[in-house]
Amino acid sequence: QTGADRAALDVAIELGIPHGGWIPKGRKTERGPLPAKYQLQEMPTGEYPKRTEQNVKDSDGTLIISHGELSGGSDFTRGMAEKHGKPWIHIDANRMSIDTAIQLLRAWINGNEVNVLNVAGPRSSEDPRIYGTAKRLLTVLIKMMSLSYGQSQNPA
């Protein structure tokens, strides 16, 4: 929870969107315990793979954001989505613009009826740019989807 995961949590808090999920025992992150403002439940174990699998299982779909090919925990997340038959999408920010990514994500979210989104990606120590990329992408995506949803609910 220091890269794409943290960015997703911060966007949810900033935009007033309910958030949740699981964190290893002791609220363990690579930078120390996760602050209490993040409303995550502790796993009975400190193992990251167990946390990852539970977050995949408890969501409607998983978004994995990276700069490049999936590796490490991000690739494990993809594997867990496949194991549990959950839809997943990988956005490689090196290969597409934010605008293209948003179009793909909107179609994927709507097509898979994703209401609870699991967001994953590398840690900041593995990719120092991932937090900013994920935060920009998710902020614009959510604002655009909120506008679209509001317009469809309030026809002129």
Protein backbone atom coordinates (compact mmCIF):
# COMPACT_ATOMS: atom_id res chain seq x y z
CA GLN A 1 0.00 0.00 0.00
CA THR A 2 2.55 2.58 -1.06
CA GLY A 3 1.99 2.83 -4.81
CA ALA A 4 -1.10 2.30 -6.94
CA ASP A 5 -3.03 0.89 -3.94
CA ARG A 6 -2.39 3.97 -1.81
CA ALA A 7 -3.26 6.29 -4.69
CA ALA A 8 -6.64 4.57 -5.05
CA LEU A 9 -7.32 4.91 -1.34
CA ASP A 10 -6.33 8.58 -1.35
CA VAL A 11 -8.57 9.32 -4.35
CA ALA A 12 -11.50 7.58 -2.66
CA ILE A 13 -11.00 9.61 0.53
CA GLU A 14 -10.57 12.90 -1.37
CA LEU A 15 -13.69 12.31 -3.48
CA GLY A 16 -15.82 10.97 -0.62
CA ILE A 17 -16.14 7.46 -2.04
CA PRO A 18 -16.46 4.56 0.40
CA HIS A 19 -13.32 2.43 0.49
CA GLY A 20 -12.19 -0.72 2.18
CA GLY A 21 -10.24 -3.89 1.70
CA TRP A 22 -7.63 -5.90 3.50
CA ILE A 23 -4.14 -5.22 4.83
CA PRO A 24 -1.58 -7.58 6.37
CA LYS A 25 -1.62 -7.99 10.15
CA GLY A 26 -0.13 -4.99 11.93
CA ARG A 27 -1.34 -2.71 9.07
CA LYS A 28 2.04 -3.53 7.52
CA THR A 29 3.36 -1.54 4.54
CA GLU A 30 6.91 -1.12 3.30
CA ARG A 31 7.00 2.27 5.06
CA GLY A 32 5.58 1.14 8.39
CA PRO A 33 2.00 0.83 9.68
CA LEU A 34 -0.76 2.26 7.48
CA PRO A 35 -2.51 5.21 9.17
CA ALA A 36 -5.99 4.60 10.62
CA LYS A 37 -7.65 7.03 8.15
CA TYR A 38 -7.49 4.17 5.65
CA GLN A 39 -10.44 1.98 6.56
CA LEU A 40 -8.90 -1.41 5.85
CA GLN A 41 -9.36 -4.62 7.81
CA GLU A 42 -6.34 -6.47 9.11
CA MET A 43 -5.74 -10.00 7.91
CA PRO A 44 -4.97 -12.64 10.55
CA THR A 45 -1.55 -13.00 8.88
CA GLY A 46 1.18 -10.59 7.82
CA GLU A 47 1.52 -12.26 4.41
CA TYR A 48 0.99 -9.98 1.41
CA PRO A 49 -0.20 -12.80 -0.92
CA LYS A 50 -3.11 -13.65 1.40
CA ARG A 51 -4.12 -9.97 1.49
CA THR A 52 -3.92 -9.75 -2.29
CA GLU A 53 -6.08 -12.82 -2.80
CA GLN A 54 -8.73 -11.60 -0.34
CA ASN A 55 -8.94 -8.19 -2.03
CA VAL A 56 -9.40 -9.89 -5.41
CA LYS A 57 -12.09 -12.21 -4.04
CA ASP A 58 -14.02 -9.37 -2.36
CA SER A 59 -14.15 -7.17 -5.47
CA ASP A 60 -16.13 -7.24 -8.69
CA GLY A 61 -12.99 -6.67 -10.76
CA THR A 62 -9.33 -5.73 -10.52
CA LEU A 63 -7.50 -2.87 -12.19
CA ILE A 64 -3.73 -3.25 -12.34
CA ILE A 65 -1.80 -0.09 -13.23
CA SER A 66 1.89 -0.20 -14.14
CA HIS A 67 4.64 1.34 -16.21
CA GLY A 68 5.58 -1.72 -18.25
CA GLU A 69 4.94 -5.44 -18.04
CA LEU A 70 3.43 -7.03 -14.96
CA SER A 71 5.86 -8.55 -12.48
CA GLY A 72 6.07 -9.51 -8.81
CA GLY A 73 2.98 -8.74 -6.78
CA SER A 74 1.18 -7.18 -9.74
CA ASP A 75 1.54 -10.36 -11.77
CA PHE A 76 0.45 -12.38 -8.72
CA THR A 77 -2.68 -10.19 -8.52
CA ARG A 78 -3.48 -11.00 -12.15
CA GLY A 79 -3.06 -14.68 -11.37
CA MET A 80 -5.43 -14.43 -8.41
CA ALA A 81 -8.07 -12.73 -10.56
CA GLU A 82 -7.80 -15.53 -13.09
CA LYS A 83 -7.86 -18.21 -10.36
CA HIS A 84 -11.09 -16.78 -8.91
CA GLY A 85 -12.73 -16.04 -12.26
CA LYS A 86 -12.78 -12.30 -11.64
CA PRO A 87 -12.46 -9.78 -14.46
CA TRP A 88 -9.20 -7.84 -14.55
CA ILE A 89 -7.60 -5.22 -16.74
CA HIS A 90 -4.01 -4.07 -17.01
CA ILE A 91 -3.25 -0.46 -17.85
CA ASP A 92 0.37 -0.03 -18.94
CA ALA A 93 0.87 3.73 -18.63
CA ASN A 94 3.98 3.48 -20.82
CA ARG A 95 1.90 2.25 -23.75
CA MET A 96 -1.19 4.46 -23.65
CA SER A 97 -2.29 7.95 -22.77
CA ILE A 98 -4.45 8.73 -19.77
CA ASP A 99 -7.32 9.52 -22.18
CA THR A 100 -7.04 6.13 -23.89
CA ALA A 101 -6.78 4.38 -20.52
CA ILE A 102 -9.92 6.14 -19.28
CA GLN A 103 -11.90 5.11 -22.36
CA LEU A 104 -10.81 1.49 -21.93
CA LEU A 105 -11.55 1.51 -18.21
CA ARG A 106 -15.00 3.05 -18.58
CA ALA A 107 -15.98 0.39 -21.12
CA TRP A 108 -14.46 -2.39 -18.98
CA ILE A 109 -16.16 -1.22 -15.76
CA ASN A 110 -19.54 -0.86 -17.44
CA GLY A 111 -19.19 -4.10 -19.43
CA ASN A 112 -18.29 -6.12 -16.33
CA GLU A 113 -20.70 -4.33 -13.98
CA VAL A 114 -17.87 -3.47 -11.59
CA ASN A 115 -19.16 -1.72 -8.48
CA VAL A 116 -16.35 -2.73 -6.11
CA LEU A 117 -13.01 -2.11 -7.79
CA ASN A 118 -9.75 -3.58 -6.54
CA VAL A 119 -6.78 -1.43 -7.59
CA ALA A 120 -3.30 -2.90 -7.69
CA GLY A 121 0.13 -2.13 -9.04
CA PRO A 122 3.74 -1.88 -7.99
CA ARG A 123 5.00 -0.37 -4.77
CA SER A 124 6.49 3.11 -4.88
CA SER A 125 9.92 1.63 -4.13
CA GLU A 126 9.64 -0.42 -7.34
CA ASP A 127 8.17 2.41 -9.43
CA PRO A 128 8.46 5.94 -7.99
CA ARG A 129 6.05 7.30 -10.67
CA ILE A 130 3.20 4.86 -10.05
CA TYR A 131 1.47 6.79 -7.25
CA GLY A 132 1.13 9.95 -9.37
CA THR A 133 0.05 8.06 -12.47
CA ALA A 134 -2.56 6.02 -10.62
CA LYS A 135 -3.88 9.06 -8.76
CA ARG A 136 -4.29 11.11 -11.96
CA LEU A 137 -5.92 8.24 -13.82
CA LEU A 138 -8.37 7.36 -11.06
CA THR A 139 -9.29 10.96 -10.25
CA VAL A 140 -10.16 11.76 -13.87
CA LEU A 141 -11.92 8.41 -14.38
CA ILE A 142 -14.13 8.78 -11.31
CA LYS A 143 -15.00 12.40 -12.05
CA MET A 144 -15.92 11.52 -15.65
CA MET A 145 -17.99 8.51 -14.58
CA SER A 146 -19.74 10.59 -11.91
CA LEU A 147 -20.66 13.20 -14.51
CA SER A 148 -21.94 10.55 -16.90
CA TYR A 149 -23.91 8.84 -14.16
CA GLY A 150 -25.38 12.12 -12.98
CA GLN A 151 -26.41 13.06 -16.51
CA SER A 152 -28.04 9.70 -17.14
CA GLN A 153 -29.97 10.01 -13.88
CA ASN A 154 -31.10 13.59 -14.60
CA PRO A 155 -32.11 13.79 -18.27
CA ALA A 156 -32.68 17.27 -19.61
